[in-house]
Amino acid sequence: MFIAIISDIHNNLDNLKKCLFWCSDNKVEKIICCGDVADLNTMTYLAQNFSGEIFVVEGNAETYREADLGIFPNINYCGEIGVTDFEGVNIGFCHEPEKINDLSEAAPAPLDFIFHGHTHKPWLENKNGSIIANPGTLAGQEHQATFATLETKTKKLELKILNDL
């Protein structure tokens, strides 16, 4: 399974459109969003322009309400932390890196990958057997616009620079 990991959109619809177009062209099946989508218009665009499942955690810049998301059948809202399994790959995700310990405690099994956002800086480290990664900021604030992809079969994680696509 091919998934995209995005974070910190901050209502930048131009960059979101470019990312979703790339996802469509490259047969991305699911998206994990590590928060800071920002408002309901951006969430609506995301939900209506990606046909697969979208797993979203709350960021600190959200202005939508959780109750607003019930109209989107492809959005799985996870609150502050999310834990899922894609084809035997255990994944945890949150917005703020301070929540990583909460993910590990909530997970029913050791996590292969932990994704977070908030800092806008792409980051990768191996800690206690888990790959911890920040896909950067899709908005391109403070750092160039980036997102990540993960091929679950091979566990290959890649950073994508939006301007290079």
C-alpha atoms as a PDB file:
ATOM      1  CA  MET A   1       0.000   0.000   0.000  1.00  0.00           C
ATOM      2  CA  PHE A   2       1.229   3.470  -0.889  1.00  0.00           C
ATOM      3  CA  ILE A   3       0.355   6.224   1.582  1.00  0.00           C
ATOM      4  CA  ALA A   4       1.141   9.925   1.841  1.00  0.00           C
ATOM      5  CA  ILE A   5       1.887  11.697   5.101  1.00  0.00           C
ATOM      6  CA  ILE A   6       1.098  15.412   5.164  1.00  0.00           C
ATOM      7  CA  SER A   7       1.107  18.053   7.864  1.00  0.00           C
ATOM      8  CA  ASP A   8       0.790  21.764   8.505  1.00  0.00           C
ATOM      9  CA  ILE A   9      -1.281  22.739   5.473  1.00  0.00           C
ATOM     10  CA  HIS A  10      -2.340  26.020   7.117  1.00  0.00           C
ATOM     11  CA  ASN A  11      -4.994  26.647   4.445  1.00  0.00           C
ATOM     12  CA  ASN A  12      -2.485  26.702   1.571  1.00  0.00           C
ATOM     13  CA  LEU A  13      -4.875  25.350  -1.060  1.00  0.00           C
ATOM     14  CA  ASP A  14      -2.431  25.794  -3.946  1.00  0.00           C
ATOM     15  CA  ASN A  15       0.082  23.457  -2.320  1.00  0.00           C
ATOM     16  CA  LEU A  16      -2.633  21.043  -1.199  1.00  0.00           C
ATOM     17  CA  LYS A  17      -3.958  20.874  -4.775  1.00  0.00           C
ATOM     18  CA  LYS A  18      -0.489  20.134  -6.132  1.00  0.00           C
ATOM     19  CA  CYS A  19       0.070  17.434  -3.518  1.00  0.00           C
ATOM     20  CA  LEU A  20      -3.303  15.779  -4.154  1.00  0.00           C
ATOM     21  CA  PHE A  21      -2.727  15.854  -7.913  1.00  0.00           C
ATOM     22  CA  TRP A  22       0.614  14.080  -7.363  1.00  0.00           C
ATOM     23  CA  CYS A  23      -1.090  11.588  -5.019  1.00  0.00           C
ATOM     24  CA  SER A  24      -3.705  10.813  -7.671  1.00  0.00           C
ATOM     25  CA  ASP A  25      -1.096  10.367 -10.407  1.00  0.00           C
ATOM     26  CA  ASN A  26       0.978   8.070  -8.174  1.00  0.00           C
ATOM     27  CA  LYS A  27      -1.892   5.921  -6.876  1.00  0.00           C
ATOM     28  CA  VAL A  28      -1.651   6.929  -3.220  1.00  0.00           C
ATOM     29  CA  GLU A  29      -4.325   4.909  -1.422  1.00  0.00           C
ATOM     30  CA  LYS A  30      -4.480   6.603   1.986  1.00  0.00           C
ATOM     31  CA  ILE A  31      -3.363   9.855   3.571  1.00  0.00           C
ATOM     32  CA  ILE A  32      -2.250  10.480   7.125  1.00  0.00           C
ATOM     33  CA  CYS A  33      -2.546  14.137   8.099  1.00  0.00           C
ATOM     34  CA  CYS A  34      -0.589  15.185  11.182  1.00  0.00           C
ATOM     35  CA  GLY A  35      -2.715  18.252  11.866  1.00  0.00           C
ATOM     36  CA  ASP A  36      -2.911  21.970  11.203  1.00  0.00           C
ATOM     37  CA  VAL A  37      -5.219  21.649   8.233  1.00  0.00           C
ATOM     38  CA  ALA A  38      -6.661  24.892   9.693  1.00  0.00           C
ATOM     39  CA  ASP A  39     -10.237  25.582   8.556  1.00  0.00           C
ATOM     40  CA  LEU A  40     -13.258  23.652   7.352  1.00  0.00           C
ATOM     41  CA  ASN A  41     -12.893  24.899   3.755  1.00  0.00           C
ATOM     42  CA  THR A  42      -9.445  23.307   3.517  1.00  0.00           C
ATOM     43  CA  MET A  43     -10.676  20.102   5.163  1.00  0.00           C
ATOM     44  CA  THR A  44     -13.579  20.042   2.695  1.00  0.00           C
ATOM     45  CA  TYR A  45     -11.196  20.418  -0.233  1.00  0.00           C
ATOM     46  CA  LEU A  46      -9.010  17.612   1.106  1.00  0.00           C
ATOM     47  CA  ALA A  47     -11.968  15.258   1.639  1.00  0.00           C
ATOM     48  CA  GLN A  48     -13.601  16.000  -1.714  1.00  0.00           C
ATOM     49  CA  ASN A  49     -10.424  15.747  -3.776  1.00  0.00           C
ATOM     50  CA  PHE A  50      -8.948  12.535  -2.410  1.00  0.00           C
ATOM     51  CA  SER A  51     -10.954   9.370  -2.929  1.00  0.00           C
ATOM     52  CA  GLY A  52      -9.162   7.189  -0.386  1.00  0.00           C
ATOM     53  CA  GLU A  53      -9.258   7.158   3.394  1.00  0.00           C
ATOM     54  CA  ILE A  54      -7.799  10.136   5.237  1.00  0.00           C
ATOM     55  CA  PHE A  55      -6.636   9.796   8.835  1.00  0.00           C
ATOM     56  CA  VAL A  56      -6.466  13.159  10.619  1.00  0.00           C
ATOM     57  CA  VAL A  57      -5.254  14.283  14.017  1.00  0.00           C
ATOM     58  CA  GLU A  58      -5.967  17.658  15.527  1.00  0.00           C
ATOM     59  CA  GLY A  59      -3.335  20.356  15.287  1.00  0.00           C
ATOM     60  CA  ASN A  60      -3.024  23.512  17.318  1.00  0.00           C
ATOM     61  CA  ALA A  61      -4.220  25.822  14.498  1.00  0.00           C
ATOM     62  CA  GLU A  62      -7.549  24.168  13.697  1.00  0.00           C
ATOM     63  CA  THR A  63     -10.671  26.334  13.472  1.00  0.00           C
ATOM     64  CA  TYR A  64     -13.080  23.554  12.425  1.00  0.00           C
ATOM     65  CA  ARG A  65     -14.992  21.523  14.997  1.00  0.00           C
ATOM     66  CA  GLU A  66     -14.868  17.756  15.259  1.00  0.00           C
ATOM     67  CA  ALA A  67     -18.647  17.671  14.764  1.00  0.00           C
ATOM     68  CA  ASP A  68     -18.168  19.319  11.332  1.00  0.00           C
ATOM     69  CA  LEU A  69     -16.206  16.325  10.051  1.00  0.00           C
ATOM     70  CA  GLY A  70     -19.076  13.833  10.228  1.00  0.00           C
ATOM     71  CA  ILE A  71     -20.194  14.807   6.730  1.00  0.00           C
ATOM     72  CA  PHE A  72     -17.022  13.381   5.199  1.00  0.00           C
ATOM     73  CA  PRO A  73     -17.207   9.575   4.896  1.00  0.00           C
ATOM     74  CA  ASN A  74     -13.527   9.254   3.969  1.00  0.00           C
ATOM     75  CA  ILE A  75     -12.176  11.165   6.988  1.00  0.00           C
ATOM     76  CA  ASN A  76     -11.182   9.240  10.086  1.00  0.00           C
ATOM     77  CA  TYR A  77     -10.767  11.851  12.810  1.00  0.00           C
ATOM     78  CA  CYS A  78      -8.484  10.523  15.548  1.00  0.00           C
ATOM     79  CA  GLY A  79      -8.392  13.365  18.081  1.00  0.00           C
ATOM     80  CA  GLU A  80      -4.935  14.236  19.401  1.00  0.00           C
ATOM     81  CA  ILE A  81      -3.311  10.897  18.556  1.00  0.00           C
ATOM     82  CA  GLY A  82      -3.921   8.176  16.013  1.00  0.00           C
ATOM     83  CA  VAL A  83      -2.748   4.578  15.836  1.00  0.00           C
ATOM     84  CA  THR A  84      -3.426   2.296  12.896  1.00  0.00           C
ATOM     85  CA  ASP A  85      -2.117  -0.758  11.097  1.00  0.00           C
ATOM     86  CA  PHE A  86      -1.680  -0.824   7.331  1.00  0.00           C
ATOM     87  CA  GLU A  87      -0.823  -4.281   5.996  1.00  0.00           C
ATOM     88  CA  GLY A  88       1.007  -5.260   9.190  1.00  0.00           C
ATOM     89  CA  VAL A  89       2.874  -1.954   9.526  1.00  0.00           C
ATOM     90  CA  ASN A  90       2.031  -0.307  12.845  1.00  0.00           C
ATOM     91  CA  ILE A  91       1.811   3.469  12.557  1.00  0.00           C
ATOM     92  CA  GLY A  92       1.222   6.165  15.130  1.00  0.00           C
ATOM     93  CA  PHE A  93       0.697   9.845  14.373  1.00  0.00           C
ATOM     94  CA  CYS A  94       0.133  13.092  16.224  1.00  0.00           C
ATOM     95  CA  HIS A  95       0.654  16.791  15.688  1.00  0.00           C
ATOM     96  CA  GLU A  96       3.022  17.862  18.450  1.00  0.00           C
ATOM     97  CA  PRO A  97       6.150  15.775  19.084  1.00  0.00           C
ATOM     98  CA  GLU A  98       5.398  15.964  22.822  1.00  0.00           C
ATOM     99  CA  LYS A  99       2.573  13.466  22.181  1.00  0.00           C
ATOM    100  CA  ILE A 100       4.896  10.713  20.926  1.00  0.00           C
ATOM    101  CA  ASN A 101       5.028   9.012  24.337  1.00  0.00           C
ATOM    102  CA  ASP A 102       1.210   8.974  24.408  1.00  0.00           C
ATOM    103  CA  LEU A 103       1.243   7.178  21.052  1.00  0.00           C
ATOM    104  CA  SER A 104       3.585   4.481  22.293  1.00  0.00           C
ATOM    105  CA  GLU A 105       1.412   3.923  25.361  1.00  0.00           C
ATOM    106  CA  ALA A 106      -1.820   3.777  23.315  1.00  0.00           C
ATOM    107  CA  ALA A 107      -0.483   1.392  20.682  1.00  0.00           C
ATOM    108  CA  PRO A 108      -1.438  -2.280  21.070  1.00  0.00           C
ATOM    109  CA  ALA A 109       1.912  -3.285  19.519  1.00  0.00           C
ATOM    110  CA  PRO A 110       5.300  -1.626  18.994  1.00  0.00           C
ATOM    111  CA  LEU A 111       5.089   1.127  16.371  1.00  0.00           C
ATOM    112  CA  ASP A 112       7.121   0.769  13.185  1.00  0.00           C
ATOM    113  CA  PHE A 113       6.598   4.434  12.257  1.00  0.00           C
ATOM    114  CA  ILE A 114       5.643   7.506  14.246  1.00  0.00           C
ATOM    115  CA  PHE A 115       4.718  10.653  12.335  1.00  0.00           C
ATOM    116  CA  HIS A 116       4.270  14.137  13.733  1.00  0.00           C
ATOM    117  CA  GLY A 117       4.095  17.724  12.511  1.00  0.00           C
ATOM    118  CA  HIS A 118       4.080  21.084  14.294  1.00  0.00           C
ATOM    119  CA  THR A 119       7.730  22.119  13.853  1.00  0.00           C
ATOM    120  CA  HIS A 120       7.441  22.423  10.041  1.00  0.00           C
ATOM    121  CA  LYS A 121      10.930  20.935   9.749  1.00  0.00           C
ATOM    122  CA  PRO A 122      11.341  17.592   7.987  1.00  0.00           C
ATOM    123  CA  TRP A 123      12.915  15.211  10.438  1.00  0.00           C
ATOM    124  CA  LEU A 124      13.848  11.538  10.618  1.00  0.00           C
ATOM    125  CA  GLU A 125      15.307   9.490  13.433  1.00  0.00           C
ATOM    126  CA  ASN A 126      15.369   5.896  14.589  1.00  0.00           C
ATOM    127  CA  LYS A 127      14.491   5.611  18.260  1.00  0.00           C
ATOM    128  CA  ASN A 128      13.838   2.419  20.212  1.00  0.00           C
ATOM    129  CA  GLY A 129      13.088   0.476  17.034  1.00  0.00           C
ATOM    130  CA  SER A 130      10.635   3.032  15.617  1.00  0.00           C
ATOM    131  CA  ILE A 131      11.224   5.421  12.745  1.00  0.00           C
ATOM    132  CA  ILE A 132      10.107   8.865  13.917  1.00  0.00           C
ATOM    133  CA  ALA A 133       9.475  11.277  11.072  1.00  0.00           C
ATOM    134  CA  ASN A 134       8.093  14.741  10.462  1.00  0.00           C
ATOM    135  CA  PRO A 135       6.955  15.164   6.838  1.00  0.00           C
ATOM    136  CA  GLY A 136       7.510  18.925   7.108  1.00  0.00           C
ATOM    137  CA  THR A 137       5.031  21.602   6.144  1.00  0.00           C
ATOM    138  CA  LEU A 138       2.800  21.363   3.115  1.00  0.00           C
ATOM    139  CA  ALA A 139       2.192  25.113   3.493  1.00  0.00           C
ATOM    140  CA  GLY A 140       5.852  25.905   2.927  1.00  0.00           C
ATOM    141  CA  GLN A 141       6.040  28.092   6.028  1.00  0.00           C
ATOM    142  CA  GLU A 142       9.523  28.489   7.558  1.00  0.00           C
ATOM    143  CA  HIS A 143      10.768  25.617   5.371  1.00  0.00           C
ATOM    144  CA  GLN A 144      10.099  24.564   1.786  1.00  0.00           C
ATOM    145  CA  ALA A 145       6.860  22.687   1.157  1.00  0.00           C
ATOM    146  CA  THR A 146       7.253  18.945   1.704  1.00  0.00           C
ATOM    147  CA  PHE A 147       5.341  15.775   2.453  1.00  0.00           C
ATOM    148  CA  ALA A 148       6.334  12.123   2.829  1.00  0.00           C
ATOM    149  CA  THR A 149       5.319   8.827   1.281  1.00  0.00           C
ATOM    150  CA  LEU A 150       5.485   5.319   2.680  1.00  0.00           C
ATOM    151  CA  GLU A 151       5.298   2.081   0.748  1.00  0.00           C
ATOM    152  CA  THR A 152       4.089  -0.371   3.393  1.00  0.00           C
ATOM    153  CA  LYS A 153       5.241  -3.506   1.568  1.00  0.00           C
ATOM    154  CA  THR A 154       8.885  -2.395   1.522  1.00  0.00           C
ATOM    155  CA  LYS A 155       8.672   0.082   4.437  1.00  0.00           C
ATOM    156  CA  LYS A 156      10.348   2.637   2.183  1.00  0.00           C
ATOM    157  CA  LEU A 157       9.839   6.164   3.489  1.00  0.00           C
ATOM    158  CA  GLU A 158      10.597   9.126   1.222  1.00  0.00           C
ATOM    159  CA  LEU A 159      10.472  12.892   1.583  1.00  0.00           C
ATOM    160  CA  LYS A 160       8.921  14.722  -1.358  1.00  0.00           C
ATOM    161  CA  ILE A 161       9.777  18.373  -2.067  1.00  0.00           C
ATOM    162  CA  LEU A 162       6.692  19.914  -3.592  1.00  0.00           C
ATOM    163  CA  ASN A 163       8.577  22.258  -5.939  1.00  0.00           C
ATOM    164  CA  ASP A 164      10.472  19.289  -7.408  1.00  0.00           C
ATOM    165  CA  LEU A 165       7.299  17.462  -8.479  1.00  0.00           C
END
